[in-house]
C-alpha atoms as a PDB file:
ATOM      1  CA  MET A   1      -2.564 -32.595  12.393  1.00  0.00           C
ATOM      2  CA  ASP A   2      -2.979 -28.861  12.767  1.00  0.00           C
ATOM      3  CA  ASN A   3      -6.479 -28.015  11.488  1.00  0.00           C
ATOM      4  CA  LYS A   4      -5.665 -24.305  11.349  1.00  0.00           C
ATOM      5  CA  ILE A   5      -2.919 -24.896   8.780  1.00  0.00           C
ATOM      6  CA  LEU A   6      -5.157 -27.184   6.705  1.00  0.00           C
ATOM      7  CA  ARG A   7      -7.974 -24.619   6.759  1.00  0.00           C
ATOM      8  CA  LYS A   8      -5.617 -21.947   5.444  1.00  0.00           C
ATOM      9  CA  LEU A   9      -4.392 -24.252   2.691  1.00  0.00           C
ATOM     10  CA  PHE A  10      -7.870 -25.424   1.715  1.00  0.00           C
ATOM     11  CA  LEU A  11      -9.248 -21.862   1.570  1.00  0.00           C
ATOM     12  CA  GLY A  12      -7.629 -21.428  -1.844  1.00  0.00           C
ATOM     13  CA  PHE A  13      -9.067 -24.742  -3.046  1.00  0.00           C
ATOM     14  CA  ILE A  14     -12.503 -23.724  -1.814  1.00  0.00           C
ATOM     15  CA  GLN A  15     -12.329 -20.402  -3.650  1.00  0.00           C
ATOM     16  CA  ILE A  16     -11.288 -22.147  -6.872  1.00  0.00           C
ATOM     17  CA  HIS A  17     -14.174 -24.571  -6.416  1.00  0.00           C
ATOM     18  CA  ILE A  18     -16.607 -21.665  -5.966  1.00  0.00           C
ATOM     19  CA  LEU A  19     -15.274 -19.840  -9.032  1.00  0.00           C
ATOM     20  CA  HIS A  20     -15.563 -23.006 -11.107  1.00  0.00           C
ATOM     21  CA  HIS A  21     -19.218 -23.631 -10.255  1.00  0.00           C
ATOM     22  CA  ALA A  22     -20.209 -19.957 -10.368  1.00  0.00           C
ATOM     23  CA  LYS A  23     -18.746 -19.766 -13.881  1.00  0.00           C
ATOM     24  CA  GLU A  24     -20.931 -22.668 -15.051  1.00  0.00           C
ATOM     25  CA  GLU A  25     -24.150 -21.286 -13.527  1.00  0.00           C
ATOM     26  CA  PRO A  26     -25.221 -18.971 -10.700  1.00  0.00           C
ATOM     27  CA  VAL A  27     -24.758 -20.571  -7.276  1.00  0.00           C
ATOM     28  CA  TYR A  28     -26.198 -19.768  -3.858  1.00  0.00           C
ATOM     29  CA  GLY A  29     -24.772 -20.379  -0.427  1.00  0.00           C
ATOM     30  CA  SER A  30     -26.646 -23.452   0.787  1.00  0.00           C
ATOM     31  CA  TRP A  31     -26.124 -25.249  -2.536  1.00  0.00           C
ATOM     32  CA  MET A  32     -22.422 -24.395  -2.486  1.00  0.00           C
ATOM     33  CA  LEU A  33     -22.163 -25.623   1.102  1.00  0.00           C
ATOM     34  CA  GLU A  34     -23.634 -28.992   0.089  1.00  0.00           C
ATOM     35  CA  GLU A  35     -21.324 -29.195  -2.930  1.00  0.00           C
ATOM     36  CA  LEU A  36     -18.271 -28.512  -0.788  1.00  0.00           C
ATOM     37  CA  HIS A  37     -19.394 -31.100   1.786  1.00  0.00           C
ATOM     38  CA  GLU A  38     -19.628 -33.678  -1.024  1.00  0.00           C
ATOM     39  CA  HIS A  39     -15.963 -33.011  -1.726  1.00  0.00           C
ATOM     40  CA  GLY A  40     -14.917 -33.415   1.902  1.00  0.00           C
ATOM     41  CA  TYR A  41     -14.795 -29.784   2.996  1.00  0.00           C
ATOM     42  CA  GLU A  42     -16.366 -29.556   6.439  1.00  0.00           C
ATOM     43  CA  MET A  43     -17.503 -26.010   6.990  1.00  0.00           C
ATOM     44  CA  SER A  44     -20.491 -24.128   8.281  1.00  0.00           C
ATOM     45  CA  SER A  45     -22.480 -21.377   6.634  1.00  0.00           C
ATOM     46  CA  GLY A  46     -20.772 -19.024   9.093  1.00  0.00           C
ATOM     47  CA  THR A  47     -17.512 -19.836   7.319  1.00  0.00           C
ATOM     48  CA  LEU A  48     -18.785 -19.975   3.734  1.00  0.00           C
ATOM     49  CA  TYR A  49     -20.772 -16.723   3.612  1.00  0.00           C
ATOM     50  CA  PRO A  50     -17.830 -14.496   4.582  1.00  0.00           C
ATOM     51  CA  ILE A  51     -15.777 -16.223   1.854  1.00  0.00           C
ATOM     52  CA  LEU A  52     -18.496 -15.434  -0.715  1.00  0.00           C
ATOM     53  CA  HIS A  53     -18.752 -11.835   0.516  1.00  0.00           C
ATOM     54  CA  ASN A  54     -14.977 -11.350   0.346  1.00  0.00           C
ATOM     55  CA  MET A  55     -14.827 -12.837  -3.143  1.00  0.00           C
ATOM     56  CA  GLU A  56     -17.562 -10.409  -4.185  1.00  0.00           C
ATOM     57  CA  LYS A  57     -15.703  -7.514  -2.552  1.00  0.00           C
ATOM     58  CA  ASP A  58     -12.535  -8.550  -4.423  1.00  0.00           C
ATOM     59  CA  GLY A  59     -14.431  -8.463  -7.716  1.00  0.00           C
ATOM     60  CA  LEU A  60     -14.275 -12.228  -8.324  1.00  0.00           C
ATOM     61  CA  LEU A  61     -18.022 -12.775  -7.972  1.00  0.00           C
ATOM     62  CA  SER A  62     -21.079 -10.709  -8.754  1.00  0.00           C
ATOM     63  CA  LYS A  63     -24.287 -11.064  -6.755  1.00  0.00           C
ATOM     64  CA  GLU A  64     -27.908 -10.990  -7.829  1.00  0.00           C
ATOM     65  CA  GLU A  65     -30.791 -11.248  -5.391  1.00  0.00           C
ATOM     66  CA  SER A  66     -33.973 -13.148  -6.172  1.00  0.00           C
ATOM     67  CA  ASN A  67     -37.171 -13.779  -4.228  1.00  0.00           C
ATOM     68  CA  VAL A  68     -37.560 -17.543  -3.742  1.00  0.00           C
ATOM     69  CA  ASN A  69     -40.649 -18.618  -1.798  1.00  0.00           C
ATOM     70  CA  GLY A  70     -40.821 -15.268  -0.020  1.00  0.00           C
ATOM     71  CA  LYS A  71     -37.125 -15.238   0.944  1.00  0.00           C
ATOM     72  CA  ILE A  72     -34.296 -13.342  -0.708  1.00  0.00           C
ATOM     73  CA  ARG A  73     -31.710 -15.706  -2.159  1.00  0.00           C
ATOM     74  CA  LYS A  74     -28.346 -14.363  -3.256  1.00  0.00           C
ATOM     75  CA  TYR A  75     -26.978 -15.900  -6.444  1.00  0.00           C
ATOM     76  CA  TYR A  76     -23.289 -15.546  -7.220  1.00  0.00           C
ATOM     77  CA  ARG A  77     -21.675 -15.626 -10.632  1.00  0.00           C
ATOM     78  CA  THR A  78     -18.026 -15.486 -11.635  1.00  0.00           C
ATOM     79  CA  THR A  79     -17.003 -12.082 -13.009  1.00  0.00           C
ATOM     80  CA  GLU A  80     -14.550 -11.529 -15.863  1.00  0.00           C
ATOM     81  CA  LYS A  81     -11.822 -10.967 -13.277  1.00  0.00           C
ATOM     82  CA  GLY A  82     -12.896 -14.154 -11.464  1.00  0.00           C
ATOM     83  CA  ALA A  83     -12.769 -16.137 -14.716  1.00  0.00           C
ATOM     84  CA  PHE A  84      -9.231 -14.882 -15.349  1.00  0.00           C
ATOM     85  CA  ILE A  85      -8.163 -15.822 -11.818  1.00  0.00           C
ATOM     86  CA  LEU A  86      -9.818 -19.233 -12.235  1.00  0.00           C
ATOM     87  CA  SER A  87      -7.933 -19.833 -15.479  1.00  0.00           C
ATOM     88  CA  GLU A  88      -4.625 -18.914 -13.836  1.00  0.00           C
ATOM     89  CA  ALA A  89      -5.403 -21.135 -10.833  1.00  0.00           C
ATOM     90  CA  GLN A  90      -6.336 -24.059 -13.083  1.00  0.00           C
ATOM     91  CA  SER A  91      -3.027 -23.952 -14.931  1.00  0.00           C
ATOM     92  CA  LYS A  92      -1.061 -23.654 -11.677  1.00  0.00           C
ATOM     93  CA  ALA A  93      -3.071 -26.488 -10.098  1.00  0.00           C
ATOM     94  CA  TYR A  94      -2.473 -28.686 -13.147  1.00  0.00           C
ATOM     95  CA  GLU A  95       1.251 -27.951 -13.043  1.00  0.00           C
ATOM     96  CA  LEU A  96       1.347 -28.748  -9.317  1.00  0.00           C
ATOM     97  CA  PHE A  97      -0.680 -31.943  -9.766  1.00  0.00           C
ATOM     98  CA  LYS A  98       1.742 -33.202 -12.434  1.00  0.00           C
ATOM     99  CA  GLU A  99       4.662 -32.555 -10.069  1.00  0.00           C
ATOM    100  CA  ILE A 100       3.217 -34.185  -6.922  1.00  0.00           C
ATOM    101  CA  LYS A 101       1.051 -36.991  -8.345  1.00  0.00           C
ATOM    102  CA  ASP A 102       3.696 -39.706  -7.929  1.00  0.00           C
END
């Protein structure tokens, strides 16, 4: 199987996953990495952090920095635009799931 093709396909799933959790509560990189690993996405922080930064740059996430035990932790939250995109993605994913489930 071509991992490069799967990575491209799963990038959209990963972004939807991030938007979902960041809408529920602020998330930070290492927590999100663990969450994605629990769902079978094998990636490093070197892959995840650029995704978070690009989603912020695209206006899907907002970032707030907080001092946690002397280190700056970046918390990400879904923006209004991100929530709209998430809603659109959810309906498309549901439609696709219904079509391919059998």
